[in-house]
C-alpha cells in the first residue's frame, strides 16, 4: 500500500502542471457567430424578341416552350393595293410550361375592340405579335417579356 500512497501525490502534481490544449482568456473577444448566407435569387427572366416560322418553337428562360402552330387567317390588304381597311391576320400559338398543361391562344396583327388581341399572357409571360410576314407560312416576330412589365 505504501507505493500507492507515494504515487498518488505525483500523479496529482503532474495533472496540475499540464498545459491545456486551448486556454481561455476572458479578455479576448469571442468571434461573432456566423449565419449562413442565403443563396442569391435567380436573375429575373429577360424580355426578348423571337422570330418563328410556322411549326417552330423556342425555349423560354423558365424552361417552357412557345410554339407557332399555324396561320389561322390572313385578310390583310396585299402590298401595292389600296384598300378601305388594312385587314387582319391571325396566328395560333401554344405555350407548354415545364410542368402542367399547355395553353393556346390566337394573336392578331390588327385586332378590333370586340375581337381578338395582339398579346396574350401565358403563365409568367406576356407574348405580343409585333410583325407577321406575308405568304402561306409567314414568319412571326414575337416580343416575349415577363407578365406585368
C-alpha atoms as a PDB file:
ATOM      1  CA  UNK A   1       0.000   0.000   0.000  1.00  0.00           C
ATOM      2  CA  UNK A   2       2.895   2.272   0.624  1.00  0.00           C
ATOM      3  CA  UNK A   3       3.969   2.503  -3.074  1.00  0.00           C
ATOM      4  CA  UNK A   4       0.442   3.569  -3.998  1.00  0.00           C
ATOM      5  CA  UNK A   5       0.419   6.373  -1.461  1.00  0.00           C
ATOM      6  CA  UNK A   6       3.680   7.703  -2.931  1.00  0.00           C
ATOM      7  CA  UNK A   7       2.366   7.633  -6.489  1.00  0.00           C
ATOM      8  CA  UNK A   8      -0.864   9.456  -5.795  1.00  0.00           C
ATOM      9  CA  UNK A   9       0.772  12.840  -4.961  1.00  0.00           C
ATOM     10  CA  UNK A  10       2.991  12.538  -8.039  1.00  0.00           C
ATOM     11  CA  UNK A  11       0.011  11.944 -10.322  1.00  0.00           C
ATOM     12  CA  UNK A  12      -1.858  14.886  -8.825  1.00  0.00           C
ATOM     13  CA  UNK A  13       1.152  17.183  -9.260  1.00  0.00           C
ATOM     14  CA  UNK A  14       1.622  16.095 -12.875  1.00  0.00           C
ATOM     15  CA  UNK A  15      -2.022  16.871 -13.644  1.00  0.00           C
ATOM     16  CA  UNK A  16      -1.736  20.371 -12.196  1.00  0.00           C
ATOM     17  CA  UNK A  17       1.307  21.314 -14.269  1.00  0.00           C
ATOM     18  CA  UNK A  18      -0.060  20.102 -17.601  1.00  0.00           C
ATOM     19  CA  UNK A  19      -0.936  22.845 -20.129  1.00  0.00           C
ATOM     20  CA  UNK A  20      -4.393  22.542 -21.670  1.00  0.00           C
ATOM     21  CA  UNK A  21      -4.618  22.388 -25.472  1.00  0.00           C
ATOM     22  CA  UNK A  22      -6.709  25.568 -25.658  1.00  0.00           C
ATOM     23  CA  UNK A  23      -6.561  28.172 -22.954  1.00  0.00           C
ATOM     24  CA  UNK A  24      -9.406  30.502 -22.042  1.00  0.00           C
ATOM     25  CA  UNK A  25      -8.619  34.208 -21.933  1.00  0.00           C
ATOM     26  CA  UNK A  26     -11.548  36.214 -20.621  1.00  0.00           C
ATOM     27  CA  UNK A  27     -10.095  39.466 -22.039  1.00  0.00           C
ATOM     28  CA  UNK A  28     -10.006  38.079 -25.636  1.00  0.00           C
ATOM     29  CA  UNK A  29     -13.207  38.851 -27.616  1.00  0.00           C
ATOM     30  CA  UNK A  30     -15.257  35.927 -28.831  1.00  0.00           C
ATOM     31  CA  UNK A  31     -15.708  35.776 -32.611  1.00  0.00           C
ATOM     32  CA  UNK A  32     -19.245  36.666 -33.711  1.00  0.00           C
ATOM     33  CA  UNK A  33     -21.479  33.749 -34.560  1.00  0.00           C
ATOM     34  CA  UNK A  34     -21.667  33.061 -38.254  1.00  0.00           C
ATOM     35  CA  UNK A  35     -25.001  32.865 -40.017  1.00  0.00           C
ATOM     36  CA  UNK A  36     -25.283  31.094 -43.334  1.00  0.00           C
ATOM     37  CA  UNK A  37     -25.743  33.405 -46.312  1.00  0.00           C
ATOM     38  CA  UNK A  38     -28.864  32.515 -48.312  1.00  0.00           C
ATOM     39  CA  UNK A  39     -28.266  31.807 -51.993  1.00  0.00           C
ATOM     40  CA  UNK A  40     -28.769  34.719 -54.350  1.00  0.00           C
ATOM     41  CA  UNK A  41     -32.156  34.739 -56.089  1.00  0.00           C
ATOM     42  CA  UNK A  42     -32.096  33.791 -59.760  1.00  0.00           C
ATOM     43  CA  UNK A  43     -31.975  36.696 -62.177  1.00  0.00           C
ATOM     44  CA  UNK A  44     -35.375  37.821 -63.449  1.00  0.00           C
ATOM     45  CA  UNK A  45     -36.361  36.471 -66.843  1.00  0.00           C
ATOM     46  CA  UNK A  46     -35.266  38.712 -69.662  1.00  0.00           C
ATOM     47  CA  UNK A  47     -37.515  40.140 -72.344  1.00  0.00           C
ATOM     48  CA  UNK A  48     -36.584  39.134 -75.874  1.00  0.00           C
ATOM     49  CA  UNK A  49     -37.783  39.146 -79.435  1.00  0.00           C
ATOM     50  CA  UNK A  50     -38.292  35.850 -81.257  1.00  0.00           C
ATOM     51  CA  UNK A  51     -38.781  35.236 -84.961  1.00  0.00           C
ATOM     52  CA  UNK A  52     -40.527  31.910 -85.505  1.00  0.00           C
ATOM     53  CA  UNK A  53     -41.726  30.157 -88.619  1.00  0.00           C
ATOM     54  CA  UNK A  54     -44.851  28.004 -88.676  1.00  0.00           C
ATOM     55  CA  UNK A  55     -44.198  24.863 -86.607  1.00  0.00           C
ATOM     56  CA  UNK A  56     -41.098  26.303 -84.905  1.00  0.00           C
ATOM     57  CA  UNK A  57     -40.681  26.538 -81.134  1.00  0.00           C
ATOM     58  CA  UNK A  58     -38.445  28.436 -78.733  1.00  0.00           C
ATOM     59  CA  UNK A  59     -37.471  27.550 -75.174  1.00  0.00           C
ATOM     60  CA  UNK A  60     -38.012  30.415 -72.720  1.00  0.00           C
ATOM     61  CA  UNK A  61     -35.897  31.254 -69.649  1.00  0.00           C
ATOM     62  CA  UNK A  62     -38.079  29.181 -67.298  1.00  0.00           C
ATOM     63  CA  UNK A  63     -37.826  26.040 -69.464  1.00  0.00           C
ATOM     64  CA  UNK A  64     -41.276  26.438 -71.007  1.00  0.00           C
ATOM     65  CA  UNK A  65     -41.720  26.265 -74.791  1.00  0.00           C
ATOM     66  CA  UNK A  66     -43.565  28.616 -77.108  1.00  0.00           C
ATOM     67  CA  UNK A  67     -44.659  27.139 -80.457  1.00  0.00           C
ATOM     68  CA  UNK A  68     -46.056  28.958 -83.501  1.00  0.00           C
ATOM     69  CA  UNK A  69     -48.714  26.452 -84.571  1.00  0.00           C
ATOM     70  CA  UNK A  70     -50.252  27.909 -87.736  1.00  0.00           C
ATOM     71  CA  UNK A  71     -51.565  30.856 -89.692  1.00  0.00           C
ATOM     72  CA  UNK A  72     -55.288  30.852 -88.919  1.00  0.00           C
ATOM     73  CA  UNK A  73     -56.440  33.595 -91.283  1.00  0.00           C
ATOM     74  CA  UNK A  74     -54.931  36.395 -93.357  1.00  0.00           C
ATOM     75  CA  UNK A  75     -57.273  39.045 -94.770  1.00  0.00           C
ATOM     76  CA  UNK A  76     -54.654  41.796 -94.924  1.00  0.00           C
ATOM     77  CA  UNK A  77     -54.639  44.113 -97.887  1.00  0.00           C
ATOM     78  CA  UNK A  78     -51.975  42.945-100.399  1.00  0.00           C
ATOM     79  CA  UNK A  79     -48.938  45.203-100.886  1.00  0.00           C
ATOM     80  CA  UNK A  80     -49.384  47.804-103.619  1.00  0.00           C
ATOM     81  CA  UNK A  81     -53.207  47.682-103.450  1.00  0.00           C
ATOM     82  CA  UNK A  82     -55.301  50.470-101.970  1.00  0.00           C
ATOM     83  CA  UNK A  83     -57.868  49.023 -99.553  1.00  0.00           C
ATOM     84  CA  UNK A  84     -60.548  50.584 -97.386  1.00  0.00           C
ATOM     85  CA  UNK A  85     -59.334  48.579 -94.372  1.00  0.00           C
ATOM     86  CA  UNK A  86     -55.838  47.167 -93.767  1.00  0.00           C
ATOM     87  CA  UNK A  87     -57.286  43.789 -92.844  1.00  0.00           C
ATOM     88  CA  UNK A  88     -56.123  41.368 -90.180  1.00  0.00           C
ATOM     89  CA  UNK A  89     -54.047  38.239 -89.882  1.00  0.00           C
ATOM     90  CA  UNK A  90     -54.362  35.723 -87.043  1.00  0.00           C
ATOM     91  CA  UNK A  91     -51.847  33.159 -85.814  1.00  0.00           C
ATOM     92  CA  UNK A  92     -52.190  30.352 -83.254  1.00  0.00           C
ATOM     93  CA  UNK A  93     -49.588  29.797 -80.511  1.00  0.00           C
ATOM     94  CA  UNK A  94     -49.112  27.093 -77.877  1.00  0.00           C
ATOM     95  CA  UNK A  95     -47.243  27.566 -74.609  1.00  0.00           C
ATOM     96  CA  UNK A  96     -46.092  24.413 -72.817  1.00  0.00           C
ATOM     97  CA  UNK A  97     -44.818  25.017 -69.260  1.00  0.00           C
ATOM     98  CA  UNK A  98     -42.102  22.803 -67.815  1.00  0.00           C
ATOM     99  CA  UNK A  99     -44.868  21.201 -65.715  1.00  0.00           C
ATOM    100  CA  UNK A 100     -48.592  21.324 -66.276  1.00  0.00           C
ATOM    101  CA  UNK A 101     -50.999  21.572 -69.179  1.00  0.00           C
ATOM    102  CA  UNK A 102     -50.357  23.561 -72.342  1.00  0.00           C
ATOM    103  CA  UNK A 103     -52.240  26.760 -73.185  1.00  0.00           C
ATOM    104  CA  UNK A 104     -53.170  28.019 -76.648  1.00  0.00           C
ATOM    105  CA  UNK A 105     -54.076  31.492 -77.866  1.00  0.00           C
ATOM    106  CA  UNK A 106     -54.567  33.387 -81.118  1.00  0.00           C
ATOM    107  CA  UNK A 107     -52.883  36.715 -81.810  1.00  0.00           C
ATOM    108  CA  UNK A 108     -53.959  39.296 -84.407  1.00  0.00           C
ATOM    109  CA  UNK A 109     -51.993  41.826 -86.427  1.00  0.00           C
ATOM    110  CA  UNK A 110     -54.849  44.354 -86.357  1.00  0.00           C
ATOM    111  CA  UNK A 111     -57.196  43.423 -83.508  1.00  0.00           C
ATOM    112  CA  UNK A 112     -60.610  45.014 -83.219  1.00  0.00           C
ATOM    113  CA  UNK A 113     -62.061  46.077 -79.858  1.00  0.00           C
ATOM    114  CA  UNK A 114     -64.679  43.318 -79.994  1.00  0.00           C
ATOM    115  CA  UNK A 115     -62.485  40.582 -81.499  1.00  0.00           C
ATOM    116  CA  UNK A 116     -59.003  39.307 -80.833  1.00  0.00           C
ATOM    117  CA  UNK A 117     -55.869  40.788 -79.329  1.00  0.00           C
ATOM    118  CA  UNK A 118     -52.257  41.170 -80.354  1.00  0.00           C
ATOM    119  CA  UNK A 119     -50.972  39.920 -76.969  1.00  0.00           C
ATOM    120  CA  UNK A 120     -51.638  37.010 -74.613  1.00  0.00           C
ATOM    121  CA  UNK A 121     -50.423  36.022 -71.169  1.00  0.00           C
ATOM    122  CA  UNK A 122     -49.058  32.509 -70.764  1.00  0.00           C
ATOM    123  CA  UNK A 123     -48.151  31.740 -67.143  1.00  0.00           C
ATOM    124  CA  UNK A 124     -45.401  34.247 -66.204  1.00  0.00           C
ATOM    125  CA  UNK A 125     -45.007  35.512 -69.803  1.00  0.00           C
ATOM    126  CA  UNK A 126     -46.704  38.089 -71.970  1.00  0.00           C
ATOM    127  CA  UNK A 127     -46.346  37.411 -75.699  1.00  0.00           C
ATOM    128  CA  UNK A 128     -47.111  40.170 -78.216  1.00  0.00           C
ATOM    129  CA  UNK A 129     -47.283  39.803 -82.002  1.00  0.00           C
ATOM    130  CA  UNK A 130     -45.044  42.561 -83.364  1.00  0.00           C
ATOM    131  CA  UNK A 131     -44.973  41.672 -87.063  1.00  0.00           C
ATOM    132  CA  UNK A 132     -46.108  38.977 -89.472  1.00  0.00           C
ATOM    133  CA  UNK A 133     -44.610  38.409 -92.896  1.00  0.00           C
ATOM    134  CA  UNK A 134     -46.815  37.624 -95.857  1.00  0.00           C
ATOM    135  CA  UNK A 135     -47.257  34.283 -97.562  1.00  0.00           C
ATOM    136  CA  UNK A 136     -48.611  30.804 -96.950  1.00  0.00           C
ATOM    137  CA  UNK A 137     -46.352  30.166 -93.935  1.00  0.00           C
ATOM    138  CA  UNK A 138     -45.249  33.620 -92.764  1.00  0.00           C
ATOM    139  CA  UNK A 139     -42.645  34.131 -90.040  1.00  0.00           C
ATOM    140  CA  UNK A 140     -43.933  35.872 -86.917  1.00  0.00           C
ATOM    141  CA  UNK A 141     -41.954  38.350 -84.841  1.00  0.00           C
ATOM    142  CA  UNK A 142     -42.972  37.949 -81.196  1.00  0.00           C
ATOM    143  CA  UNK A 143     -41.973  40.044 -78.174  1.00  0.00           C
ATOM    144  CA  UNK A 144     -41.799  37.863 -75.058  1.00  0.00           C
ATOM    145  CA  UNK A 145     -41.498  39.578 -71.660  1.00  0.00           C
ATOM    146  CA  UNK A 146     -42.295  38.777 -68.039  1.00  0.00           C
ATOM    147  CA  UNK A 147     -46.029  39.394 -67.466  1.00  0.00           C
ATOM    148  CA  UNK A 148     -46.750  42.689 -65.775  1.00  0.00           C
ATOM    149  CA  UNK A 149     -43.821  44.536 -67.415  1.00  0.00           C
END
